[in-house]
Amino acid sequence: MEKESAIMADEVRVAVIGLDTSHSIQFSRRMNAPDCPAEQKVDGLTAVTCLRFETPFQDREGLDKRQAELEAWGVKVTEDFDEAVADCDAIMLEINDPAAHLEYFRRVADLGKPVFLDKPLAGTLEDGRAIVDLARRCGTRVWSGSSLPFTPGIIEAAAQVPDATIGQVFGAMGTAPAGDSLVWYGVHTFEMLQRLMGMGACSVWAVEDETGVVAVVEYGAGRRGLVEAVRGMWHYGGRAQSRQALVQFRCDMTYAYRDLLREVRAFFLGGPAPVPLARSFEGLAMMIAARRAIETGKQAVVAALDA
């Protein structure tokens, strides 16, 4: 059973855990900044605290610069975990380094507060399973996801082709300072595919070269997905196709942070998780399978959550 962690207050007080990602700045700007454009603002949320710590993704100098931005918007930045979560209604885990996701989820899971765990769910299958198991045991209301599946183009394509037998997506591939870049940044494209195709991925075949990664995802029953994660090309889009329809789309990122934050707000206020943890785990399992396929040159099975 999930704990009763829906929030009744008009203004949700949010603790941001992590400062090694620009998302901590982008989301706080849309919650707090007086000069945030009205069309980007998300009312009803206030970032009250931020926990900072170094990771391979951000050094002390970079953290200092980001801290100054947050403090200008009224956010208290601290290195004390208990202080960071003491006076908040909800928690956003904003940590670039997926290797740290399980550690910090362990620290927040039993606080009785709703949690948004920014993508990816974790860096490994083992950590991903542990997060899901911990959420179940503690009854934590939590979801995890990327902003890309909430952009207008892909929403419209999924609605127009709800029975897609072929889903093709393309997006950027960043280079992770630590860990697997395919898991760290490829999550955007794999979660786009999930928006088009739903769950049920069986296996993945993939190759990697200097351009990026191409993965073919088999769903069975004649259904197939194609993922292209391209280095240095910051565009996102694709197509949804069935026997009756074909819709191509391009993702407009203008309001991506705002639209994702709106989903977070609705969840904090008691709404359902827009992405079930089981789907987030399957996305992680797809990426892990793609990496295994790249390394072995063979098709790899997508691991099941409860295997």
C-alpha atoms as a PDB file:
ATOM      1  CA  MET A   1       0.000   0.000   0.000  1.00  0.00           C
ATOM      2  CA  GLU A   2       1.171   3.515  -0.778  1.00  0.00           C
ATOM      3  CA  LYS A   3       1.415   5.905   2.108  1.00  0.00           C
ATOM      4  CA  GLU A   4      -1.018   8.797   2.326  1.00  0.00           C
ATOM      5  CA  SER A   5       1.299  11.425   0.892  1.00  0.00           C
ATOM      6  CA  ALA A   6      -1.032  13.534  -1.231  1.00  0.00           C
ATOM      7  CA  ILE A   7      -0.661  17.209  -0.408  1.00  0.00           C
ATOM      8  CA  MET A   8      -3.603  19.416   0.463  1.00  0.00           C
ATOM      9  CA  ALA A   9      -1.762  22.761   0.679  1.00  0.00           C
ATOM     10  CA  ASP A  10      -2.185  25.401  -2.013  1.00  0.00           C
ATOM     11  CA  GLU A  11       1.602  25.747  -2.285  1.00  0.00           C
ATOM     12  CA  VAL A  12       3.738  22.608  -2.339  1.00  0.00           C
ATOM     13  CA  ARG A  13       7.103  23.096  -0.647  1.00  0.00           C
ATOM     14  CA  VAL A  14       9.702  21.142  -2.603  1.00  0.00           C
ATOM     15  CA  ALA A  15      13.126  19.884  -1.513  1.00  0.00           C
ATOM     16  CA  VAL A  16      15.520  19.459  -4.434  1.00  0.00           C
ATOM     17  CA  ILE A  17      18.087  16.737  -3.782  1.00  0.00           C
ATOM     18  CA  GLY A  18      21.152  17.203  -5.949  1.00  0.00           C
ATOM     19  CA  LEU A  19      22.818  20.093  -7.740  1.00  0.00           C
ATOM     20  CA  ASP A  20      25.023  18.302 -10.268  1.00  0.00           C
ATOM     21  CA  THR A  21      22.381  18.695 -12.991  1.00  0.00           C
ATOM     22  CA  SER A  22      21.052  21.739 -14.792  1.00  0.00           C
ATOM     23  CA  HIS A  23      17.573  20.384 -14.069  1.00  0.00           C
ATOM     24  CA  SER A  24      17.910  21.614 -10.478  1.00  0.00           C
ATOM     25  CA  ILE A  25      18.238  25.105 -11.907  1.00  0.00           C
ATOM     26  CA  GLN A  26      15.657  24.760 -14.663  1.00  0.00           C
ATOM     27  CA  PHE A  27      12.923  23.395 -12.416  1.00  0.00           C
ATOM     28  CA  SER A  28      13.668  25.835  -9.584  1.00  0.00           C
ATOM     29  CA  ARG A  29      13.568  28.716 -12.066  1.00  0.00           C
ATOM     30  CA  ARG A  30      10.063  27.725 -13.116  1.00  0.00           C
ATOM     31  CA  MET A  31       8.960  27.405  -9.500  1.00  0.00           C
ATOM     32  CA  ASN A  32      10.637  30.424  -7.907  1.00  0.00           C
ATOM     33  CA  ALA A  33      12.309  32.934 -10.224  1.00  0.00           C
ATOM     34  CA  PRO A  34      10.516  36.326 -10.275  1.00  0.00           C
ATOM     35  CA  ASP A  35      11.701  36.957 -13.823  1.00  0.00           C
ATOM     36  CA  CYS A  36      10.583  33.576 -15.178  1.00  0.00           C
ATOM     37  CA  PRO A  37       8.348  34.251 -18.218  1.00  0.00           C
ATOM     38  CA  ALA A  38       4.684  33.693 -17.419  1.00  0.00           C
ATOM     39  CA  GLU A  39       4.327  31.009 -20.097  1.00  0.00           C
ATOM     40  CA  GLN A  40       7.163  29.005 -18.471  1.00  0.00           C
ATOM     41  CA  LYS A  41       6.062  29.456 -14.858  1.00  0.00           C
ATOM     42  CA  VAL A  42       4.530  26.563 -12.919  1.00  0.00           C
ATOM     43  CA  ASP A  43       2.417  27.886 -10.070  1.00  0.00           C
ATOM     44  CA  GLY A  44       1.682  25.945  -6.904  1.00  0.00           C
ATOM     45  CA  LEU A  45       5.246  24.736  -6.319  1.00  0.00           C
ATOM     46  CA  THR A  46       8.041  26.425  -4.381  1.00  0.00           C
ATOM     47  CA  ALA A  47      11.596  25.104  -4.149  1.00  0.00           C
ATOM     48  CA  VAL A  48      12.547  25.713  -0.516  1.00  0.00           C
ATOM     49  CA  THR A  49      15.787  23.776  -0.130  1.00  0.00           C
ATOM     50  CA  CYS A  50      18.470  22.090  -2.199  1.00  0.00           C
ATOM     51  CA  LEU A  51      20.987  19.492  -1.063  1.00  0.00           C
ATOM     52  CA  ARG A  52      24.340  19.911  -2.790  1.00  0.00           C
ATOM     53  CA  PHE A  53      27.125  17.356  -3.106  1.00  0.00           C
ATOM     54  CA  GLU A  54      29.840  16.686  -5.651  1.00  0.00           C
ATOM     55  CA  THR A  55      29.622  13.894  -8.204  1.00  0.00           C
ATOM     56  CA  PRO A  56      31.699  13.106 -11.310  1.00  0.00           C
ATOM     57  CA  PHE A  57      29.162  15.261 -13.173  1.00  0.00           C
ATOM     58  CA  GLN A  58      29.856  18.531 -11.319  1.00  0.00           C
ATOM     59  CA  ASP A  59      32.768  19.888  -9.277  1.00  0.00           C
ATOM     60  CA  ARG A  60      32.704  22.335  -6.358  1.00  0.00           C
ATOM     61  CA  GLU A  61      33.199  25.395  -8.559  1.00  0.00           C
ATOM     62  CA  GLY A  62      30.211  24.478 -10.699  1.00  0.00           C
ATOM     63  CA  LEU A  63      28.117  23.776  -7.613  1.00  0.00           C
ATOM     64  CA  ASP A  64      29.036  27.183  -6.205  1.00  0.00           C
ATOM     65  CA  LYS A  65      27.768  28.934  -9.332  1.00  0.00           C
ATOM     66  CA  ARG A  66      24.521  27.036  -9.271  1.00  0.00           C
ATOM     67  CA  GLN A  67      24.099  27.659  -5.565  1.00  0.00           C
ATOM     68  CA  ALA A  68      24.320  31.404  -6.162  1.00  0.00           C
ATOM     69  CA  GLU A  69      21.495  31.172  -8.708  1.00  0.00           C
ATOM     70  CA  LEU A  70      19.262  29.214  -6.370  1.00  0.00           C
ATOM     71  CA  GLU A  71      19.910  31.503  -3.416  1.00  0.00           C
ATOM     72  CA  ALA A  72      18.913  34.495  -5.535  1.00  0.00           C
ATOM     73  CA  TRP A  73      15.500  32.811  -5.905  1.00  0.00           C
ATOM     74  CA  GLY A  74      15.114  32.151  -2.183  1.00  0.00           C
ATOM     75  CA  VAL A  75      16.225  28.512  -2.136  1.00  0.00           C
ATOM     76  CA  LYS A  76      18.254  27.469   0.914  1.00  0.00           C
ATOM     77  CA  VAL A  77      21.216  25.392  -0.270  1.00  0.00           C
ATOM     78  CA  THR A  78      22.741  23.021   2.256  1.00  0.00           C
ATOM     79  CA  GLU A  79      25.063  20.022   2.558  1.00  0.00           C
ATOM     80  CA  ASP A  80      22.996  18.617   5.457  1.00  0.00           C
ATOM     81  CA  PHE A  81      20.442  16.030   4.296  1.00  0.00           C
ATOM     82  CA  ASP A  82      18.207  16.330   7.350  1.00  0.00           C
ATOM     83  CA  GLU A  83      18.041  20.088   6.949  1.00  0.00           C
ATOM     84  CA  ALA A  84      17.190  19.732   3.272  1.00  0.00           C
ATOM     85  CA  VAL A  85      14.128  17.530   3.874  1.00  0.00           C
ATOM     86  CA  ALA A  86      12.954  18.862   7.243  1.00  0.00           C
ATOM     87  CA  ASP A  87      10.475  21.464   6.028  1.00  0.00           C
ATOM     88  CA  CYS A  88       9.180  20.196   2.690  1.00  0.00           C
ATOM     89  CA  ASP A  89       6.019  18.569   1.396  1.00  0.00           C
ATOM     90  CA  ALA A  90       7.580  16.743  -1.565  1.00  0.00           C
ATOM     91  CA  ILE A  91      10.966  15.752  -2.936  1.00  0.00           C
ATOM     92  CA  MET A  92      12.567  15.976  -6.358  1.00  0.00           C
ATOM     93  CA  LEU A  93      15.636  13.741  -6.709  1.00  0.00           C
ATOM     94  CA  GLU A  94      17.652  15.712  -9.269  1.00  0.00           C
ATOM     95  CA  ILE A  95      20.928  13.829  -9.506  1.00  0.00           C
ATOM     96  CA  ASN A  96      22.772  13.567 -12.812  1.00  0.00           C
ATOM     97  CA  ASP A  97      24.825  10.596 -11.660  1.00  0.00           C
ATOM     98  CA  PRO A  98      22.519   7.547 -11.840  1.00  0.00           C
ATOM     99  CA  ALA A  99      24.933   5.615  -9.630  1.00  0.00           C
ATOM    100  CA  ALA A 100      23.726   7.780  -6.716  1.00  0.00           C
ATOM    101  CA  HIS A 101      19.987   7.297  -7.287  1.00  0.00           C
ATOM    102  CA  LEU A 102      19.556   4.233  -5.082  1.00  0.00           C
ATOM    103  CA  GLU A 103      21.583   5.751  -2.233  1.00  0.00           C
ATOM    104  CA  TYR A 104      19.448   8.868  -2.057  1.00  0.00           C
ATOM    105  CA  PHE A 105      16.166   7.102  -2.718  1.00  0.00           C
ATOM    106  CA  ARG A 106      16.932   4.939   0.310  1.00  0.00           C
ATOM    107  CA  ARG A 107      17.180   8.135   2.356  1.00  0.00           C
ATOM    108  CA  VAL A 108      13.835   9.558   1.219  1.00  0.00           C
ATOM    109  CA  ALA A 109      11.677   6.475   0.645  1.00  0.00           C
ATOM    110  CA  ASP A 110      10.357   6.213   4.203  1.00  0.00           C
ATOM    111  CA  LEU A 111       9.708   9.922   4.815  1.00  0.00           C
ATOM    112  CA  GLY A 112       6.043   9.712   3.781  1.00  0.00           C
ATOM    113  CA  LYS A 113       6.501  12.365   1.085  1.00  0.00           C
ATOM    114  CA  PRO A 114       5.854  12.008  -2.660  1.00  0.00           C
ATOM    115  CA  VAL A 115       9.007  11.731  -4.761  1.00  0.00           C
ATOM    116  CA  PHE A 116       9.925  12.523  -8.347  1.00  0.00           C
ATOM    117  CA  LEU A 117      13.098  10.663  -9.344  1.00  0.00           C
ATOM    118  CA  ASP A 118      14.537  12.325 -12.427  1.00  0.00           C
ATOM    119  CA  LYS A 119      15.670  10.067 -15.260  1.00  0.00           C
ATOM    120  CA  PRO A 120      17.088   7.504 -15.562  1.00  0.00           C
ATOM    121  CA  LEU A 121      15.591   5.292 -12.865  1.00  0.00           C
ATOM    122  CA  ALA A 122      19.060   3.932 -12.031  1.00  0.00           C
ATOM    123  CA  GLY A 123      22.403   3.072 -13.577  1.00  0.00           C
ATOM    124  CA  THR A 124      22.107  -0.725 -13.293  1.00  0.00           C
ATOM    125  CA  LEU A 125      19.386  -3.365 -13.284  1.00  0.00           C
ATOM    126  CA  GLU A 126      20.283  -4.273  -9.718  1.00  0.00           C
ATOM    127  CA  ASP A 127      19.850  -0.688  -8.526  1.00  0.00           C
ATOM    128  CA  GLY A 128      16.635  -0.337 -10.520  1.00  0.00           C
ATOM    129  CA  ARG A 129      15.139  -3.437  -8.926  1.00  0.00           C
ATOM    130  CA  ALA A 130      16.213  -2.262  -5.488  1.00  0.00           C
ATOM    131  CA  ILE A 131      14.487   1.104  -5.999  1.00  0.00           C
ATOM    132  CA  VAL A 132      11.242  -0.550  -7.096  1.00  0.00           C
ATOM    133  CA  ASP A 133      11.376  -3.057  -4.218  1.00  0.00           C
ATOM    134  CA  LEU A 134      12.058  -0.296  -1.704  1.00  0.00           C
ATOM    135  CA  ALA A 135       9.181   1.810  -3.024  1.00  0.00           C
ATOM    136  CA  ARG A 136       6.872  -1.187  -2.660  1.00  0.00           C
ATOM    137  CA  ARG A 137       8.013  -2.004   0.872  1.00  0.00           C
ATOM    138  CA  CYS A 138       7.815   1.589   2.079  1.00  0.00           C
ATOM    139  CA  GLY A 139       4.638   2.456   0.196  1.00  0.00           C
ATOM    140  CA  THR A 140       6.419   5.405  -1.374  1.00  0.00           C
ATOM    141  CA  ARG A 141       4.529   7.436  -3.961  1.00  0.00           C
ATOM    142  CA  VAL A 142       7.231   7.858  -6.607  1.00  0.00           C
ATOM    143  CA  TRP A 143       7.650   8.067 -10.349  1.00  0.00           C
ATOM    144  CA  SER A 144      10.575   8.556 -12.688  1.00  0.00           C
ATOM    145  CA  GLY A 145      10.785   9.854 -16.218  1.00  0.00           C
ATOM    146  CA  SER A 146      12.221  12.064 -18.940  1.00  0.00           C
ATOM    147  CA  SER A 147      10.569  15.198 -20.318  1.00  0.00           C
ATOM    148  CA  LEU A 148      10.570  13.962 -23.937  1.00  0.00           C
ATOM    149  CA  PRO A 149       7.465  11.725 -23.723  1.00  0.00           C
ATOM    150  CA  PHE A 150       5.478  14.772 -22.550  1.00  0.00           C
ATOM    151  CA  THR A 151       6.252  17.007 -25.521  1.00  0.00           C
ATOM    152  CA  PRO A 152       3.303  17.794 -27.833  1.00  0.00           C
ATOM    153  CA  GLY A 153       4.567  16.073 -30.985  1.00  0.00           C
ATOM    154  CA  ILE A 154       4.930  12.629 -29.503  1.00  0.00           C
ATOM    155  CA  ILE A 155       1.708  12.934 -27.495  1.00  0.00           C
ATOM    156  CA  GLU A 156      -0.204  13.675 -30.695  1.00  0.00           C
ATOM    157  CA  ALA A 157       1.484  10.847 -32.606  1.00  0.00           C
ATOM    158  CA  ALA A 158       0.699   8.325 -29.856  1.00  0.00           C
ATOM    159  CA  ALA A 159      -2.919   9.469 -29.773  1.00  0.00           C
ATOM    160  CA  GLN A 160      -3.325   9.238 -33.551  1.00  0.00           C
ATOM    161  CA  VAL A 161      -1.698   5.797 -33.770  1.00  0.00           C
ATOM    162  CA  PRO A 162      -2.679   4.071 -30.514  1.00  0.00           C
ATOM    163  CA  ASP A 163      -2.105   0.613 -32.009  1.00  0.00           C
ATOM    164  CA  ALA A 164       1.366   1.246 -33.455  1.00  0.00           C
ATOM    165  CA  THR A 165       3.139  -1.817 -34.805  1.00  0.00           C
ATOM    166  CA  ILE A 166       6.264   0.178 -35.667  1.00  0.00           C
ATOM    167  CA  GLY A 167       7.742   2.964 -33.572  1.00  0.00           C
ATOM    168  CA  GLN A 168      10.847   4.827 -34.674  1.00  0.00           C
ATOM    169  CA  VAL A 169      12.511   7.519 -32.567  1.00  0.00           C
ATOM    170  CA  PHE A 170      15.695   9.539 -32.766  1.00  0.00           C
ATOM    171  CA  GLY A 171      17.420  11.816 -30.294  1.00  0.00           C
ATOM    172  CA  ALA A 172      20.692  13.018 -28.858  1.00  0.00           C
ATOM    173  CA  MET A 173      23.423  10.975 -27.195  1.00  0.00           C
ATOM    174  CA  GLY A 174      25.456  12.852 -24.582  1.00  0.00           C
ATOM    175  CA  THR A 175      28.755  11.670 -23.114  1.00  0.00           C
ATOM    176  CA  ALA A 176      28.578  10.730 -19.443  1.00  0.00           C
ATOM    177  CA  PRO A 177      31.516  11.724 -17.193  1.00  0.00           C
ATOM    178  CA  ALA A 178      30.988   8.381 -15.437  1.00  0.00           C
ATOM    179  CA  GLY A 179      28.968   5.247 -16.087  1.00  0.00           C
ATOM    180  CA  ASP A 180      27.220   4.277 -19.317  1.00  0.00           C
ATOM    181  CA  SER A 181      26.274   7.137 -21.653  1.00  0.00           C
ATOM    182  CA  LEU A 182      23.559   4.974 -23.213  1.00  0.00           C
ATOM    183  CA  VAL A 183      21.791   4.694 -19.845  1.00  0.00           C
ATOM    184  CA  TRP A 184      22.510   8.274 -18.777  1.00  0.00           C
ATOM    185  CA  TYR A 185      21.408  10.040 -21.952  1.00  0.00           C
ATOM    186  CA  GLY A 186      19.902   7.376 -24.189  1.00  0.00           C
ATOM    187  CA  VAL A 187      17.030   7.240 -21.708  1.00  0.00           C
ATOM    188  CA  HIS A 188      15.404  10.123 -23.598  1.00  0.00           C
ATOM    189  CA  THR A 189      14.991   8.145 -26.799  1.00  0.00           C
ATOM    190  CA  PHE A 190      14.092   4.835 -25.179  1.00  0.00           C
ATOM    191  CA  GLU A 191      11.344   6.497 -23.129  1.00  0.00           C
ATOM    192  CA  MET A 192      10.056   8.143 -26.310  1.00  0.00           C
ATOM    193  CA  LEU A 193       9.737   4.667 -27.817  1.00  0.00           C
ATOM    194  CA  GLN A 194       7.831   3.528 -24.758  1.00  0.00           C
ATOM    195  CA  ARG A 195       5.362   6.391 -25.228  1.00  0.00           C
ATOM    196  CA  LEU A 196       4.618   5.076 -28.714  1.00  0.00           C
ATOM    197  CA  MET A 197       4.742   1.323 -28.109  1.00  0.00           C
ATOM    198  CA  GLY A 198       3.850   0.831 -24.455  1.00  0.00           C
ATOM    199  CA  MET A 199       5.352  -2.033 -22.497  1.00  0.00           C
ATOM    200  CA  GLY A 200       6.162  -5.578 -23.550  1.00  0.00           C
ATOM    201  CA  ALA A 201       9.653  -5.314 -25.059  1.00  0.00           C
ATOM    202  CA  CYS A 202      11.150  -8.786 -25.505  1.00  0.00           C
ATOM    203  CA  SER A 203      14.653  -8.346 -26.905  1.00  0.00           C
ATOM    204  CA  VAL A 204      17.080  -5.813 -28.327  1.00  0.00           C
ATOM    205  CA  TRP A 205      19.713  -5.897 -31.029  1.00  0.00           C
ATOM    206  CA  ALA A 206      22.064  -2.892 -31.154  1.00  0.00           C
ATOM    207  CA  VAL A 207      25.256  -1.499 -32.660  1.00  0.00           C
ATOM    208  CA  GLU A 208      27.395   1.462 -31.652  1.00  0.00           C
ATOM    209  CA  ASP A 209      29.815   3.505 -33.766  1.00  0.00           C
ATOM    210  CA  GLU A 210      31.231   7.020 -33.755  1.00  0.00           C
ATOM    211  CA  THR A 211      27.846   8.406 -34.802  1.00  0.00           C
ATOM    212  CA  GLY A 212      25.948   6.873 -31.893  1.00  0.00           C
ATOM    213  CA  VAL A 213      23.772   3.871 -31.105  1.00  0.00           C
ATOM    214  CA  VAL A 214      21.101   2.177 -33.204  1.00  0.00           C
ATOM    215  CA  ALA A 215      18.868  -0.325 -31.410  1.00  0.00           C
ATOM    216  CA  VAL A 216      16.098  -2.563 -32.741  1.00  0.00           C
ATOM    217  CA  VAL A 217      13.555  -3.540 -30.088  1.00  0.00           C
ATOM    218  CA  GLU A 218      11.375  -6.594 -30.697  1.00  0.00           C
ATOM    219  CA  TYR A 219       7.959  -6.720 -29.023  1.00  0.00           C
ATOM    220  CA  GLY A 220       6.619  -9.884 -30.629  1.00  0.00           C
ATOM    221  CA  ALA A 221       3.423 -10.256 -32.656  1.00  0.00           C
ATOM    222  CA  GLY A 222       5.032  -8.354 -35.525  1.00  0.00           C
ATOM    223  CA  ARG A 223       5.690  -5.216 -33.472  1.00  0.00           C
ATOM    224  CA  ARG A 224       9.085  -3.488 -33.610  1.00  0.00           C
ATOM    225  CA  GLY A 225      10.808  -0.346 -32.348  1.00  0.00           C
ATOM    226  CA  LEU A 226      13.844   1.467 -33.718  1.00  0.00           C
ATOM    227  CA  VAL A 227      15.930   3.793 -31.545  1.00  0.00           C
ATOM    228  CA  GLU A 228      18.678   6.084 -32.829  1.00  0.00           C
ATOM    229  CA  ALA A 229      20.722   7.962 -30.216  1.00  0.00           C
ATOM    230  CA  VAL A 230      22.978  10.324 -32.167  1.00  0.00           C
ATOM    231  CA  ARG A 231      26.051  12.104 -30.811  1.00  0.00           C
ATOM    232  CA  GLY A 232      26.175  15.870 -31.221  1.00  0.00           C
ATOM    233  CA  MET A 233      22.782  16.282 -32.920  1.00  0.00           C
ATOM    234  CA  TRP A 234      20.272  17.783 -30.497  1.00  0.00           C
ATOM    235  CA  HIS A 235      17.021  16.981 -32.244  1.00  0.00           C
ATOM    236  CA  TYR A 236      14.247  14.591 -31.261  1.00  0.00           C
ATOM    237  CA  GLY A 237      11.464  13.018 -33.297  1.00  0.00           C
ATOM    238  CA  GLY A 238      10.303   9.924 -35.094  1.00  0.00           C
ATOM    239  CA  ARG A 239       7.232   8.149 -36.402  1.00  0.00           C
ATOM    240  CA  ALA A 240       4.383   5.945 -35.239  1.00  0.00           C
ATOM    241  CA  GLN A 241       3.034   3.486 -37.781  1.00  0.00           C
ATOM    242  CA  SER A 242       0.322   0.854 -38.068  1.00  0.00           C
ATOM    243  CA  ARG A 243      -1.374  -0.839 -41.032  1.00  0.00           C
ATOM    244  CA  GLN A 244      -3.912   1.979 -41.084  1.00  0.00           C
ATOM    245  CA  ALA A 245      -1.880   5.077 -40.191  1.00  0.00           C
ATOM    246  CA  LEU A 246       1.525   6.741 -40.301  1.00  0.00           C
ATOM    247  CA  VAL A 247       2.343   9.846 -38.262  1.00  0.00           C
ATOM    248  CA  GLN A 248       5.739  11.537 -38.239  1.00  0.00           C
ATOM    249  CA  PHE A 249       6.610  13.977 -35.495  1.00  0.00           C
ATOM    250  CA  ARG A 250       9.305  16.244 -34.150  1.00  0.00           C
ATOM    251  CA  CYS A 251       9.568  17.112 -30.465  1.00  0.00           C
ATOM    252  CA  ASP A 252       9.387  20.818 -29.658  1.00  0.00           C
ATOM    253  CA  MET A 253      11.491  21.321 -26.518  1.00  0.00           C
ATOM    254  CA  THR A 254      10.360  24.917 -25.885  1.00  0.00           C
ATOM    255  CA  TYR A 255       8.179  23.966 -22.919  1.00  0.00           C
ATOM    256  CA  ALA A 256       9.656  20.567 -22.065  1.00  0.00           C
ATOM    257  CA  TYR A 257      10.735  21.514 -18.529  1.00  0.00           C
ATOM    258  CA  ARG A 258       7.463  23.303 -17.851  1.00  0.00           C
ATOM    259  CA  ASP A 259       5.328  20.429 -19.089  1.00  0.00           C
ATOM    260  CA  LEU A 260       7.264  17.841 -17.086  1.00  0.00           C
ATOM    261  CA  LEU A 261       7.038  20.018 -13.982  1.00  0.00           C
ATOM    262  CA  ARG A 262       3.268  20.246 -14.454  1.00  0.00           C
ATOM    263  CA  GLU A 263       3.143  16.447 -14.365  1.00  0.00           C
ATOM    264  CA  VAL A 264       5.227  16.499 -11.186  1.00  0.00           C
ATOM    265  CA  ARG A 265       2.873  19.031  -9.585  1.00  0.00           C
ATOM    266  CA  ALA A 266      -0.224  16.978 -10.407  1.00  0.00           C
ATOM    267  CA  PHE A 267       1.416  13.902  -8.876  1.00  0.00           C
ATOM    268  CA  PHE A 268       2.482  15.767  -5.742  1.00  0.00           C
ATOM    269  CA  LEU A 269      -1.116  16.916  -5.312  1.00  0.00           C
ATOM    270  CA  GLY A 270      -2.338  13.329  -5.284  1.00  0.00           C
ATOM    271  CA  GLY A 271      -2.729  12.462  -8.950  1.00  0.00           C
ATOM    272  CA  PRO A 272      -1.641   9.106 -10.357  1.00  0.00           C
ATOM    273  CA  ALA A 273       1.925   8.526 -11.487  1.00  0.00           C
ATOM    274  CA  PRO A 274       2.071   9.432 -15.193  1.00  0.00           C
ATOM    275  CA  VAL A 275       4.717   6.735 -15.646  1.00  0.00           C
ATOM    276  CA  PRO A 276       4.472   3.521 -13.573  1.00  0.00           C
ATOM    277  CA  LEU A 277       7.720   2.350 -12.008  1.00  0.00           C
ATOM    278  CA  ALA A 278       7.378  -0.933 -13.902  1.00  0.00           C
ATOM    279  CA  ARG A 279       7.589   0.996 -17.181  1.00  0.00           C
ATOM    280  CA  SER A 280      10.606   2.967 -15.980  1.00  0.00           C
ATOM    281  CA  PHE A 281      12.294  -0.311 -15.080  1.00  0.00           C
ATOM    282  CA  GLU A 282      11.523  -1.801 -18.488  1.00  0.00           C
ATOM    283  CA  GLY A 283      13.075   1.268 -20.126  1.00  0.00           C
ATOM    284  CA  LEU A 284      16.220   0.695 -18.062  1.00  0.00           C
ATOM    285  CA  ALA A 285      16.176  -3.006 -18.951  1.00  0.00           C
ATOM    286  CA  MET A 286      15.919  -2.138 -22.654  1.00  0.00           C
ATOM    287  CA  MET A 287      19.022   0.055 -22.424  1.00  0.00           C
ATOM    288  CA  ILE A 288      20.946  -2.583 -20.481  1.00  0.00           C
ATOM    289  CA  ALA A 289      19.954  -5.148 -23.121  1.00  0.00           C
ATOM    290  CA  ALA A 290      21.126  -2.779 -25.861  1.00  0.00           C
ATOM    291  CA  ARG A 291      24.511  -2.458 -24.153  1.00  0.00           C
ATOM    292  CA  ARG A 292      24.764  -6.239 -23.822  1.00  0.00           C
ATOM    293  CA  ALA A 293      23.911  -6.633 -27.513  1.00  0.00           C
ATOM    294  CA  ILE A 294      26.594  -4.113 -28.469  1.00  0.00           C
ATOM    295  CA  GLU A 295      29.187  -5.973 -26.418  1.00  0.00           C
ATOM    296  CA  THR A 296      28.272  -9.481 -27.607  1.00  0.00           C
ATOM    297  CA  GLY A 297      27.092  -8.792 -31.151  1.00  0.00           C
ATOM    298  CA  LYS A 298      23.990 -10.850 -30.359  1.00  0.00           C
ATOM    299  CA  GLN A 299      20.356 -10.099 -29.639  1.00  0.00           C
ATOM    300  CA  ALA A 300      19.810  -9.633 -25.904  1.00  0.00           C
ATOM    301  CA  VAL A 301      16.730 -10.409 -23.824  1.00  0.00           C
ATOM    302  CA  VAL A 302      15.031  -7.554 -21.952  1.00  0.00           C
ATOM    303  CA  ALA A 303      15.140  -8.481 -18.262  1.00  0.00           C
ATOM    304  CA  ALA A 304      11.835  -8.768 -16.391  1.00  0.00           C
ATOM    305  CA  LEU A 305      11.301  -6.732 -13.252  1.00  0.00           C
ATOM    306  CA  ASP A 306      10.412  -9.644 -10.978  1.00  0.00           C
ATOM    307  CA  ALA A 307      12.777 -12.197 -12.494  1.00  0.00           C
END
